């Protein structure tokens, strides 16, 4: 009985959540977001709100929607500029969890009483966000640490919300043109995986260690070290960061201590992290960066990290380098190779608009950042029927965040020059790596195999041609989707013919006198007619329920 009640409460909560989302979607139906989503239930008091209200309502709906807003701010193809700006300013500050719940979570994760693990543990949090809150603590060896504790119940709430959002995404993909272009279900799946990974603090601790190693060549950048003996999936203990936010550095300190080296090193380090190591930290905003008393730049909160494959990394590097160099046609070509061409793809329009974008960027570099250019490139691609990869949007958002940080630290820094210099450095490093002895040895082995096997294979082909025995076989046709559809068509035609034959037979038998009747009709004729009617209804229902609109033809760039 208790299980049934719990299931009933969960079902009621799900229905309430659906109604809340429907109301929210309808309220912003004319804002240029979620184009074409059909809603069956329309509240009478719904009205369109402003971008700031949009962001505030997302915050009020809970942690899932706070994170959803942050991700939407990286999608210029979905969110109008004014709404993207409002979402960028979303704050995650929420009321703290009572300390008793925090103590219980820490003791459960570490399997030890909090008084034994720590010499001191502040009950008042240093900060409280939608997913976690951070407390200052002191270890037994008197080392100061920050303890990040996940809010109780947040993981379960995220899973429930993602289930509801998945229903809306599937409906949008089937019912709207924008859904067929964007594939909301795929995007939501990636968002869900990223969000669940952010809840795993062991993975975040690994990110801290890995980033510390990768950024070692940049001594002005500092990352806290995780204390592994005090870490779990829901608790992360790390060095306590002392310092001031990058956007709150007082003017007197700027005079005494120039911030330009910090800004330049941050930009170089992040570009190196993306294009050398293939990892994008999409959230380097001022709240995650501190200027330490020692004059270094501390980076933390590395839960949101995306990996980029080597081939995609090379293409992103070529695209960004071509954009910085003002080569619009090459930017467009790299964008085509990265994206997926949809059925309504307009290549001439895409090439023209990208060339115009890069020309504007070359003429107004002082007022147009590289991150803004990449986000505008994604927006143009969507308008022209080209689905850009999410990594391109994340890279654009990262560069935009870095530009804001650099502007707060050192407004006089020429970020375009730093980016161009670092990209040249990365390309030279990649070239040196491709000419290294292991890389050359691998290529030579490929060439050796070609030289050894090539002549024999070519001779075999010539022999088959001379003897007229060269054949081409299509493997897997019997198991293909085409054969399955052909069999369905043949089955329906056969059933249709049988149905028609049964109807004709029953009509002819109606005229044959017989003592065996039912309601005045011959029984055999009536049975044949009922059977024909059942088969006909079955064909109609099958067509209505199982037939679906063919997916738009898509073409990927070369891999």
Protein backbone atom coordinates (compact mmCIF):
# COMPACT_ATOMS: atom_id res chain seq x y z
CA UNK A 1 0.00 0.00 0.00
CA UNK A 2 2.84 2.40 0.87
CA UNK A 3 4.48 1.65 -2.48
CA UNK A 4 1.22 2.41 -4.29
CA UNK A 5 0.86 5.70 -2.41
CA UNK A 6 4.45 6.68 -3.24
CA UNK A 7 3.87 5.85 -6.91
CA UNK A 8 0.68 7.90 -6.86
CA UNK A 9 2.45 10.89 -5.31
CA UNK A 10 5.24 10.61 -7.91
CA UNK A 11 2.66 10.50 -10.71
CA UNK A 12 0.83 13.53 -9.31
CA UNK A 13 4.13 15.39 -8.97
CA UNK A 14 4.99 14.56 -12.57
CA UNK A 15 1.63 15.89 -13.79
CA UNK A 16 2.09 19.07 -11.79
CA UNK A 17 5.57 19.52 -13.25
CA UNK A 18 4.22 19.00 -16.78
CA UNK A 19 1.54 21.65 -16.21
CA UNK A 20 4.16 24.06 -14.86
CA UNK A 21 6.36 23.55 -17.95
CA UNK A 22 3.37 23.93 -20.31
CA UNK A 23 2.46 27.21 -18.65
CA UNK A 24 6.06 28.42 -18.91
CA UNK A 25 6.35 27.46 -22.60
CA UNK A 26 3.09 29.13 -23.50
CA UNK A 27 4.00 32.30 -21.65
CA UNK A 28 7.08 32.72 -23.86
CA UNK A 29 5.53 31.35 -27.05
CA UNK A 30 6.18 34.62 -28.95
CA UNK A 31 9.70 35.19 -27.65
CA UNK A 32 11.45 33.36 -30.49
CA UNK A 33 12.21 30.36 -28.27
CA UNK A 34 10.86 26.82 -28.79
CA UNK A 35 9.42 27.74 -32.20
CA UNK A 36 6.30 25.83 -33.16
CA UNK A 37 5.84 23.68 -30.04
CA UNK A 38 2.16 22.73 -30.00
CA UNK A 39 0.37 22.91 -26.70
CA UNK A 40 -3.00 21.27 -26.21
CA UNK A 41 -3.75 23.01 -22.92
CA UNK A 42 -3.52 26.82 -22.90
CA UNK A 43 -3.93 28.68 -19.59
CA UNK A 44 -6.22 31.70 -19.77
CA UNK A 45 -3.93 33.99 -17.78
CA UNK A 46 -0.77 33.37 -19.82
CA UNK A 47 1.13 36.36 -21.19
CA UNK A 48 4.56 37.00 -22.64
CA UNK A 49 7.29 38.22 -20.28
CA UNK A 50 10.64 39.99 -20.62
CA UNK A 51 14.07 38.29 -20.88
CA UNK A 52 14.78 39.09 -17.22
CA UNK A 53 11.47 37.54 -16.17
CA UNK A 54 12.27 34.52 -18.34
CA UNK A 55 15.55 34.00 -16.44
CA UNK A 56 13.91 34.58 -13.04
CA UNK A 57 11.14 32.06 -13.77
CA UNK A 58 13.70 29.48 -14.84
CA UNK A 59 15.55 30.02 -11.55
CA UNK A 60 12.30 29.59 -9.61
CA UNK A 61 11.63 26.23 -11.27
CA UNK A 62 14.65 24.66 -9.59
CA UNK A 63 18.22 23.47 -10.20
CA UNK A 64 17.47 21.53 -13.41
CA UNK A 65 16.16 24.65 -15.07
CA UNK A 66 18.98 26.83 -13.75
CA UNK A 67 21.42 24.51 -15.52
CA UNK A 68 19.13 24.36 -18.55
CA UNK A 69 19.23 28.15 -18.74
CA UNK A 70 23.02 28.13 -18.59
CA UNK A 71 23.15 25.64 -21.46
CA UNK A 72 20.56 27.58 -23.48
CA UNK A 73 22.79 30.66 -23.23
CA UNK A 74 25.33 28.73 -25.34
CA UNK A 75 22.78 28.06 -28.11
CA UNK A 76 22.34 31.19 -30.27
CA UNK A 77 20.38 29.08 -32.75
CA UNK A 78 17.63 28.62 -30.13
CA UNK A 79 17.73 31.71 -27.92
CA UNK A 80 17.43 35.34 -29.11
CA UNK A 81 20.37 37.60 -28.08
CA UNK A 82 18.43 39.49 -25.37
CA UNK A 83 17.40 36.23 -23.69
CA UNK A 84 20.92 34.79 -23.97
CA UNK A 85 22.29 37.84 -22.13
CA UNK A 86 19.67 37.44 -19.38
CA UNK A 87 20.49 33.74 -19.04
CA UNK A 88 24.23 34.51 -18.78
CA UNK A 89 23.46 36.65 -15.72
CA UNK A 90 21.46 33.92 -13.97
CA UNK A 91 22.50 33.61 -10.35
CA UNK A 92 22.60 30.28 -8.53
CA UNK A 93 22.51 31.75 -5.03
CA UNK A 94 19.80 30.00 -3.02
CA UNK A 95 18.93 29.56 0.64
CA UNK A 96 21.41 27.22 2.38
CA UNK A 97 20.51 23.73 3.50
CA UNK A 98 20.28 23.25 7.31
CA UNK A 99 23.61 22.13 8.72
CA UNK A 100 22.17 18.89 10.14
CA UNK A 101 21.47 17.70 6.58
CA UNK A 102 24.99 18.72 5.51
CA UNK A 103 26.54 16.85 8.44
CA UNK A 104 24.54 13.73 7.59
CA UNK A 105 25.60 13.87 3.92
CA UNK A 106 29.32 14.35 4.78
CA UNK A 107 29.35 11.57 7.37
CA UNK A 108 27.54 9.18 5.01
CA UNK A 109 29.95 9.87 2.12
CA UNK A 110 33.15 9.74 4.18
CA UNK A 111 31.98 6.96 6.53
CA UNK A 112 33.31 8.84 9.54
CA UNK A 113 31.94 11.33 12.05
CA UNK A 114 32.53 14.90 10.98
CA UNK A 115 34.23 15.69 14.32
CA UNK A 116 36.81 12.97 13.73
CA UNK A 117 37.51 13.85 10.09
CA UNK A 118 37.93 17.61 10.64
CA UNK A 119 39.43 19.71 13.42
CA UNK A 120 36.87 22.41 12.59
CA UNK A 121 33.90 22.67 10.21
CA UNK A 122 32.06 25.98 9.77
CA UNK A 123 28.30 25.62 9.91
CA UNK A 124 27.77 28.76 7.84
CA UNK A 125 28.49 28.08 4.15
CA UNK A 126 30.90 30.19 2.08
CA UNK A 127 28.44 29.91 -0.78
CA UNK A 128 25.17 28.15 -1.58
CA UNK A 129 24.11 27.25 -5.13
CA UNK A 130 21.37 25.18 -6.72
CA UNK A 131 23.31 21.89 -6.68
CA UNK A 132 25.71 22.27 -3.76
CA UNK A 133 27.05 24.49 -1.03
CA UNK A 134 30.62 25.04 0.12
CA UNK A 135 31.85 25.11 3.73
CA UNK A 136 35.21 26.11 5.15
CA UNK A 137 36.88 23.40 7.25
CA UNK A 138 40.22 22.60 8.89
CA UNK A 139 41.88 19.19 8.70
CA UNK A 140 43.63 17.51 11.61
CA UNK A 141 46.98 18.73 10.26
CA UNK A 142 45.65 22.36 10.48
CA UNK A 143 45.31 22.67 6.70
CA UNK A 144 42.42 24.88 5.58
CA UNK A 145 40.12 23.28 3.01
CA UNK A 146 36.86 23.95 1.20
CA UNK A 147 34.25 21.18 1.38
CA UNK A 148 31.72 21.11 -1.44
CA UNK A 149 28.61 19.18 -0.40
CA UNK A 150 25.80 18.21 -2.74
CA UNK A 151 22.35 19.31 -1.61
CA UNK A 152 20.23 16.33 -0.40
CA UNK A 153 17.58 15.18 -2.87
CA UNK A 154 18.92 17.21 -5.80
CA UNK A 155 19.96 14.16 -7.86
CA UNK A 156 16.49 12.60 -7.58
CA UNK A 157 14.86 15.92 -8.56
CA UNK A 158 17.11 16.26 -11.60
CA UNK A 159 16.24 12.74 -12.79
CA UNK A 160 12.48 13.42 -12.44
CA UNK A 161 12.75 16.74 -14.31
CA UNK A 162 14.84 15.22 -17.10
CA UNK A 163 12.19 12.49 -17.59
CA UNK A 164 9.49 15.14 -18.02
CA UNK A 165 11.65 17.28 -20.32
CA UNK A 166 12.40 14.21 -22.46
CA UNK A 167 8.68 13.87 -23.21
CA UNK A 168 8.50 17.48 -24.39
CA UNK A 169 11.68 17.08 -26.46
CA UNK A 170 10.34 13.97 -28.23
CA UNK A 171 7.05 15.75 -28.97
CA UNK A 172 8.86 18.81 -30.35
CA UNK A 173 11.09 16.64 -32.58
CA UNK A 174 8.05 14.91 -34.12
CA UNK A 175 5.66 17.87 -34.32
CA UNK A 176 7.78 20.90 -35.22
CA UNK A 177 10.12 21.89 -38.02
CA UNK A 178 12.60 23.38 -35.53
CA UNK A 179 12.64 20.09 -33.61
CA UNK A 180 13.51 18.16 -36.77
CA UNK A 181 16.37 20.59 -37.40
CA UNK A 182 17.75 20.88 -33.87
CA UNK A 183 16.87 17.40 -32.53
CA UNK A 184 15.87 18.49 -29.03
CA UNK A 185 15.97 14.88 -27.78
CA UNK A 186 19.63 14.49 -28.78
CA UNK A 187 20.53 17.87 -27.28
CA UNK A 188 18.64 17.08 -24.06
CA UNK A 189 20.40 13.70 -23.88
CA UNK A 190 23.79 15.42 -24.04
CA UNK A 191 22.63 17.99 -21.49
CA UNK A 192 21.46 15.21 -19.16
CA UNK A 193 24.78 13.36 -19.42
CA UNK A 194 26.70 16.57 -18.68
CA UNK A 195 24.43 17.39 -15.75
CA UNK A 196 24.70 13.94 -14.20
CA UNK A 197 28.50 14.05 -14.63
CA UNK A 198 28.49 17.38 -12.77
CA UNK A 199 26.86 15.60 -9.82
CA UNK A 200 29.80 13.19 -9.59
CA UNK A 201 32.41 14.96 -7.45
CA UNK A 202 34.97 12.19 -7.98
CA UNK A 203 34.95 13.16 -11.67
CA UNK A 204 35.34 16.84 -10.71
CA UNK A 205 38.31 15.97 -8.48
CA UNK A 206 39.88 14.14 -11.44
CA UNK A 207 39.27 17.23 -13.58
CA UNK A 208 41.11 19.37 -11.01
CA UNK A 209 44.13 17.04 -11.04
CA UNK A 210 44.17 16.80 -14.83
CA UNK A 211 43.83 20.56 -15.38
CA UNK A 212 46.59 21.19 -12.82
CA UNK A 213 48.89 18.96 -14.87
CA UNK A 214 47.89 20.47 -18.24
CA UNK A 215 48.22 24.07 -17.02
CA UNK A 216 51.59 23.49 -15.31
CA UNK A 217 53.42 25.44 -18.09
CA UNK A 218 51.42 28.53 -17.02
CA UNK A 219 52.77 29.36 -13.52
CA UNK A 220 50.40 32.30 -12.94
CA UNK A 221 47.40 29.94 -13.06
CA UNK A 222 46.62 27.97 -9.91
CA UNK A 223 44.08 25.21 -9.28
CA UNK A 224 43.15 23.80 -5.86
CA UNK A 225 44.35 20.28 -5.14
CA UNK A 226 41.67 17.73 -4.16
CA UNK A 227 42.19 15.93 -0.85
CA UNK A 228 41.37 12.43 -2.05
CA UNK A 229 40.95 10.84 1.38
CA UNK A 230 38.10 13.29 2.03
CA UNK A 231 36.33 13.00 -1.34
CA UNK A 232 33.27 11.00 -2.41
CA UNK A 233 30.63 11.06 -5.12
CA UNK A 234 28.65 13.72 -3.24
CA UNK A 235 31.45 15.43 -1.25
CA UNK A 236 34.54 17.16 -2.64
CA UNK A 237 37.29 18.42 -0.33
CA UNK A 238 40.00 20.65 -1.83
CA UNK A 239 42.45 23.41 -0.99
CA UNK A 240 40.72 26.55 0.24
CA UNK A 241 41.04 29.40 -2.27
CA UNK A 242 41.93 32.75 -0.74
CA UNK A 243 41.43 35.70 -3.02
CA UNK A 244 39.07 38.20 -4.58
CA UNK A 245 36.78 37.83 -7.60
CA UNK A 246 38.33 39.08 -10.83
CA UNK A 247 35.52 41.62 -11.30
CA UNK A 248 35.94 43.02 -7.77
CA UNK A 249 39.68 43.82 -7.76
CA UNK A 250 40.04 47.35 -6.31
CA UNK A 251 41.58 50.09 -8.42
CA UNK A 252 44.51 50.69 -6.04
CA UNK A 253 45.63 47.08 -6.45
CA UNK A 254 45.46 47.41 -10.24
CA UNK A 255 47.83 50.34 -10.01
CA UNK A 256 50.29 48.56 -7.73
CA UNK A 257 49.97 45.12 -9.38
CA UNK A 258 49.29 44.98 -13.16
CA UNK A 259 46.67 42.37 -14.07
CA UNK A 260 47.59 42.09 -17.76
CA UNK A 261 49.94 39.07 -17.28
CA UNK A 262 47.16 37.20 -15.46
CA UNK A 263 44.61 37.86 -18.21
CA UNK A 264 47.04 36.93 -20.97
CA UNK A 265 48.12 33.72 -19.25
CA UNK A 266 44.48 32.72 -18.63
CA UNK A 267 43.66 33.16 -22.32
CA UNK A 268 46.72 31.21 -23.46
CA UNK A 269 46.14 28.44 -20.93
CA UNK A 270 42.53 27.89 -21.95
CA UNK A 271 43.32 27.88 -25.68
CA UNK A 272 46.07 25.35 -24.97
CA UNK A 273 43.64 23.25 -22.93
CA UNK A 274 41.08 23.20 -25.77
CA UNK A 275 43.29 22.68 -28.81
CA UNK A 276 46.17 20.64 -27.32
CA UNK A 277 44.41 18.54 -24.68
CA UNK A 278 40.89 18.56 -26.17
CA UNK A 279 38.89 19.68 -23.13
CA UNK A 280 36.51 22.64 -22.93
CA UNK A 281 35.70 24.10 -19.53
CA UNK A 282 32.56 25.95 -20.61
CA UNK A 283 32.10 27.93 -17.39
CA UNK A 284 35.11 30.24 -16.75
CA UNK A 285 32.97 33.15 -15.52
CA UNK A 286 34.17 35.71 -12.90
CA UNK A 287 32.52 33.79 -10.05
CA UNK A 288 34.84 30.82 -10.68
CA UNK A 289 38.07 32.86 -10.77
CA UNK A 290 39.94 34.53 -7.90
CA UNK A 291 43.06 36.72 -7.75
CA UNK A 292 45.10 35.30 -4.85
CA UNK A 293 47.20 37.36 -2.40
CA UNK A 294 50.30 35.90 -4.10
CA UNK A 295 49.30 37.46 -7.42
CA UNK A 296 48.15 34.26 -9.13
CA UNK A 297 44.80 33.45 -10.73
CA UNK A 298 42.87 30.63 -9.02
CA UNK A 299 40.47 28.52 -11.12
CA UNK A 300 37.88 26.19 -9.58
CA UNK A 301 34.44 24.64 -10.15
CA UNK A 302 35.43 22.29 -12.98
CA UNK A 303 32.28 20.19 -13.03
CA UNK A 304 31.19 21.22 -16.53
CA UNK A 305 33.95 19.90 -18.84
CA UNK A 306 33.41 18.65 -22.40
CA UNK A 307 35.86 16.49 -24.34
CA UNK A 308 36.62 17.07 -28.03
CA UNK A 309 37.91 14.35 -30.38
CA UNK A 310 41.28 14.95 -32.11
CA UNK A 311 39.75 15.34 -35.61
CA UNK A 312 37.09 17.74 -34.41
CA UNK A 313 39.72 19.62 -32.42
CA UNK A 314 41.83 20.11 -35.57
CA UNK A 315 38.84 21.40 -37.52
CA UNK A 316 37.85 23.81 -34.73
CA UNK A 317 41.45 25.06 -34.66
CA UNK A 318 41.48 25.61 -38.42
CA UNK A 319 38.10 27.37 -38.28
CA UNK A 320 39.11 29.74 -35.48
CA UNK A 321 42.51 30.44 -37.04
CA UNK A 322 40.86 31.22 -40.41
CA UNK A 323 38.37 33.55 -38.65
CA UNK A 324 41.16 35.43 -36.85
CA UNK A 325 43.03 35.65 -40.16
CA UNK A 326 39.95 37.01 -41.97
CA UNK A 327 39.51 34.10 -44.44
CA UNK A 328 35.72 33.84 -44.67
CA UNK A 329 35.51 31.12 -47.34
CA UNK A 330 37.73 28.76 -45.34
CA UNK A 331 35.66 29.44 -42.21
CA UNK A 332 32.53 28.45 -44.14
CA UNK A 333 34.18 25.31 -45.53
CA UNK A 334 35.37 24.18 -42.09
CA UNK A 335 31.89 24.85 -40.71
CA UNK A 336 30.38 22.63 -43.42
CA UNK A 337 32.85 19.84 -42.60
CA UNK A 338 31.97 20.10 -38.91
CA UNK A 339 28.20 20.24 -39.34
CA UNK A 340 25.34 18.14 -40.70
CA UNK A 341 23.64 19.29 -43.93
CA UNK A 342 19.85 19.07 -43.60
CA UNK A 343 17.28 18.66 -46.38
CA UNK A 344 16.77 22.43 -46.77
CA UNK A 345 20.48 23.31 -46.66
CA UNK A 346 21.24 26.46 -48.71
CA UNK A 347 24.97 26.41 -49.41
CA UNK A 348 25.18 29.62 -51.47
CA UNK A 349 23.39 31.61 -48.75
CA UNK A 350 25.56 30.05 -46.05
CA UNK A 351 28.82 30.86 -47.86
CA UNK A 352 27.66 34.42 -48.54
CA UNK A 353 26.55 35.19 -44.98
CA UNK A 354 29.64 33.65 -43.37
CA UNK A 355 31.91 35.63 -45.70
CA UNK A 356 30.05 38.82 -44.76
CA UNK A 357 30.33 37.95 -41.04
CA UNK A 358 34.10 37.45 -41.23
CA UNK A 359 34.48 40.65 -43.29
CA UNK A 360 32.59 42.59 -40.56
CA UNK A 361 34.78 40.99 -37.91
CA UNK A 362 37.97 41.97 -39.79
CA UNK A 363 36.72 45.56 -40.07
CA UNK A 364 35.51 45.92 -36.44
CA UNK A 365 37.89 43.79 -34.37
CA UNK A 366 37.88 46.25 -31.48
CA UNK A 367 34.14 45.79 -30.87
CA UNK A 368 33.57 42.19 -32.05
CA UNK A 369 35.06 39.32 -30.07
CA UNK A 370 35.97 35.88 -31.40
CA UNK A 371 33.42 34.23 -29.12
CA UNK A 372 30.65 36.41 -30.52
CA UNK A 373 31.76 35.52 -34.06
CA UNK A 374 31.54 31.77 -33.34
CA UNK A 375 28.09 32.09 -31.78
CA UNK A 376 26.91 34.15 -34.77
CA UNK A 377 28.34 31.46 -37.05
CA UNK A 378 26.14 28.86 -35.30
CA UNK A 379 23.08 31.10 -35.72
CA UNK A 380 23.75 31.56 -39.46
CA UNK A 381 24.29 27.81 -39.90
CA UNK A 382 20.88 27.03 -38.38
CA UNK A 383 19.14 29.60 -40.60
CA UNK A 384 20.74 28.02 -43.67
CA UNK A 385 19.88 24.40 -42.83
CA UNK A 386 23.24 23.34 -41.39
CA UNK A 387 23.27 21.77 -37.92
CA UNK A 388 26.44 22.95 -36.17
CA UNK A 389 28.09 20.70 -33.54
CA UNK A 390 27.49 21.66 -29.88
CA UNK A 391 31.27 21.96 -29.34
CA UNK A 392 31.30 25.02 -31.61
CA UNK A 393 28.73 26.79 -29.40
CA UNK A 394 30.61 25.77 -26.24
CA UNK A 395 33.89 27.09 -27.65
CA UNK A 396 32.18 30.36 -28.56
CA UNK A 397 30.65 30.70 -25.08
CA UNK A 398 34.01 29.89 -23.44
CA UNK A 399 35.80 32.54 -25.50
CA UNK A 400 33.02 35.01 -24.69
CA UNK A 401 33.40 34.32 -20.95
CA UNK A 402 37.19 34.63 -21.21
CA UNK A 403 36.79 37.94 -23.04
CA UNK A 404 34.60 39.24 -20.18
CA UNK A 405 37.15 38.07 -17.58
CA UNK A 406 40.05 39.65 -19.49
CA UNK A 407 38.09 42.89 -19.82
CA UNK A 408 37.50 42.91 -16.04
CA UNK A 409 41.18 42.19 -15.27
CA UNK A 410 42.95 44.19 -17.99
CA UNK A 411 40.71 46.27 -20.30
CA UNK A 412 43.77 47.37 -22.27
CA UNK A 413 44.74 43.80 -23.27
CA UNK A 414 44.62 43.10 -27.02
CA UNK A 415 42.84 39.73 -26.84
CA UNK A 416 42.86 39.30 -30.63
CA UNK A 417 46.67 39.47 -30.66
CA UNK A 418 46.97 36.97 -27.81
CA UNK A 419 44.55 34.53 -29.45
CA UNK A 420 46.32 34.77 -32.82
CA UNK A 421 49.77 34.27 -31.22
CA UNK A 422 48.59 31.28 -29.17
CA UNK A 423 46.85 29.66 -32.13
CA UNK A 424 50.06 29.95 -34.14
CA UNK A 425 51.93 28.38 -31.23
CA UNK A 426 49.41 25.51 -31.07
CA UNK A 427 49.61 24.91 -34.82
CA UNK A 428 53.43 24.84 -34.69
CA UNK A 429 53.26 22.39 -31.78
CA UNK A 430 50.84 20.17 -33.71
CA UNK A 431 53.15 20.29 -36.75
CA UNK A 432 56.15 19.32 -34.62
CA UNK A 433 54.14 16.49 -33.10
CA UNK A 434 53.16 15.22 -36.57
CA UNK A 435 56.87 15.24 -37.56
CA UNK A 436 57.99 13.44 -34.41
CA UNK A 437 59.71 10.03 -34.72
CA UNK A 438 56.70 7.98 -33.46
CA UNK A 439 54.33 9.77 -35.88
CA UNK A 440 56.73 9.36 -38.81
CA UNK A 441 57.30 5.69 -37.94
CA UNK A 442 53.53 5.08 -37.96
CA UNK A 443 53.19 6.75 -41.37
CA UNK A 444 56.14 4.78 -42.75
CA UNK A 445 54.52 1.52 -41.63
CA UNK A 446 51.37 2.50 -43.55
CA UNK A 447 53.43 3.28 -46.64
CA UNK A 448 55.35 0.02 -46.27
CA UNK A 449 52.10 -1.96 -46.16
CA UNK A 450 50.82 -0.14 -49.25
CA UNK A 451 54.05 -0.80 -51.20
CA UNK A 452 54.07 -4.46 -50.16
CA UNK A 453 50.43 -5.29 -50.87
CA UNK A 454 49.56 -2.72 -53.56
CA UNK A 455 51.14 -4.39 -56.65
CA UNK A 456 49.68 -7.82 -55.81
CA UNK A 457 46.16 -6.42 -55.25
CA UNK A 458 46.35 -4.37 -58.46
CA UNK A 459 47.46 -7.48 -60.39
CA UNK A 460 44.53 -9.46 -58.95
CA UNK A 461 42.07 -6.79 -60.12
CA UNK A 462 43.55 -6.79 -63.65
CA UNK A 463 43.32 -10.59 -63.79
CA UNK A 464 39.65 -10.57 -62.81
CA UNK A 465 38.93 -7.89 -65.42
CA UNK A 466 40.73 -9.86 -68.13
CA UNK A 467 38.75 -13.02 -67.30
CA UNK A 468 35.47 -11.08 -66.99
CA UNK A 469 35.06 -12.33 -63.40
CA UNK A 470 35.04 -9.00 -61.55
CA UNK A 471 31.91 -8.82 -59.39
CA UNK A 472 30.40 -6.28 -56.98
CA UNK A 473 28.30 -7.48 -54.08
CA UNK A 474 25.94 -5.48 -51.86
CA UNK A 475 26.24 -7.08 -48.42
CA UNK A 476 23.40 -6.98 -45.93
CA UNK A 477 20.58 -6.14 -48.34
CA UNK A 478 18.40 -8.96 -46.99
CA UNK A 479 18.64 -7.49 -43.47
CA UNK A 480 18.34 -3.86 -44.56
CA UNK A 481 15.55 -1.39 -43.75
CA UNK A 482 14.69 -1.24 -47.47
CA UNK A 483 13.91 -4.98 -47.60
CA UNK A 484 11.85 -4.68 -44.43
CA UNK A 485 9.77 -1.87 -45.93
CA UNK A 486 9.34 -3.76 -49.22
CA UNK A 487 8.06 -6.78 -47.29
CA UNK A 488 5.58 -4.56 -45.42
CA UNK A 489 4.32 -3.13 -48.71
CA UNK A 490 3.95 -6.62 -50.23
CA UNK A 491 2.10 -7.85 -47.12
CA UNK A 492 -0.33 -4.93 -47.21
CA UNK A 493 -1.01 -5.41 -50.89
CA UNK A 494 -1.65 -9.13 -50.33
CA UNK A 495 -4.00 -8.41 -47.40
CA UNK A 496 -5.78 -5.78 -49.48
CA UNK A 497 -6.32 -8.24 -52.33
CA UNK A 498 -7.59 -10.89 -49.90
CA UNK A 499 -9.95 -8.34 -48.31
CA UNK A 500 -11.34 -7.35 -51.69
CA UNK A 501 -11.78 -11.01 -52.65
CA UNK A 502 -13.62 -11.72 -49.39
CA UNK A 503 -15.96 -8.77 -49.93
CA UNK A 504 -16.77 -9.92 -53.48
CA UNK A 505 -17.29 -13.51 -52.31
CA UNK A 506 -19.61 -12.42 -49.51
CA UNK A 507 -21.58 -10.24 -51.95
CA UNK A 508 -22.02 -13.19 -54.34
CA UNK A 509 -23.03 -15.58 -51.53
CA UNK A 510 -25.71 -13.14 -50.36
CA UNK A 511 -27.69 -14.11 -53.48
CA UNK A 512 -27.41 -17.87 -52.89
CA UNK A 513 -30.55 -19.30 -51.14
CA UNK A 514 -29.67 -21.17 -47.94
CA UNK A 515 -31.61 -22.28 -44.85
CA UNK A 516 -28.66 -21.24 -42.61
CA UNK A 517 -29.15 -17.54 -41.95
CA UNK A 518 -28.46 -14.99 -39.22
CA UNK A 519 -30.58 -11.84 -39.04
CA UNK A 520 -31.84 -12.75 -42.50
CA UNK A 521 -28.38 -13.02 -44.08
CA UNK A 522 -26.54 -16.21 -45.11
CA UNK A 523 -24.15 -17.15 -42.29
CA UNK A 524 -21.18 -17.94 -44.57
CA UNK A 525 -21.55 -14.63 -46.44
CA UNK A 526 -21.84 -12.74 -43.15
CA UNK A 527 -18.71 -14.43 -41.73
CA UNK A 528 -16.70 -13.59 -44.86
CA UNK A 529 -17.88 -9.97 -44.74
CA UNK A 530 -16.96 -9.59 -41.04
CA UNK A 531 -13.53 -11.10 -41.73
CA UNK A 532 -12.99 -8.71 -44.64
CA UNK A 533 -14.06 -5.74 -42.50
CA UNK A 534 -11.62 -6.78 -39.74
CA UNK A 535 -8.75 -7.09 -42.21
CA UNK A 536 -9.58 -3.71 -43.75
CA UNK A 537 -9.71 -1.99 -40.35
CA UNK A 538 -6.40 -3.63 -39.46
CA UNK A 539 -4.75 -2.14 -42.57
CA UNK A 540 -6.13 1.34 -41.75
CA UNK A 541 -5.03 1.19 -38.10
CA UNK A 542 -1.57 -0.06 -39.09
CA UNK A 543 -1.15 2.86 -41.50
CA UNK A 544 -2.29 5.41 -38.91
CA UNK A 545 -0.29 4.09 -35.96
CA UNK A 546 2.91 2.69 -37.48
CA UNK A 547 3.57 4.75 -40.58
CA UNK A 548 5.67 7.83 -39.90
CA UNK A 549 7.11 10.72 -41.77
CA UNK A 550 10.50 9.93 -43.27
CA UNK A 551 13.40 11.71 -41.65
CA UNK A 552 14.82 14.62 -43.55
CA UNK A 553 17.86 13.69 -45.56
CA UNK A 554 21.03 14.65 -43.74
CA UNK A 555 24.63 14.71 -44.89
CA UNK A 556 27.64 14.88 -42.63
CA UNK A 557 30.89 16.46 -43.56
CA UNK A 558 33.91 14.23 -44.21
CA UNK A 559 35.32 12.59 -41.09
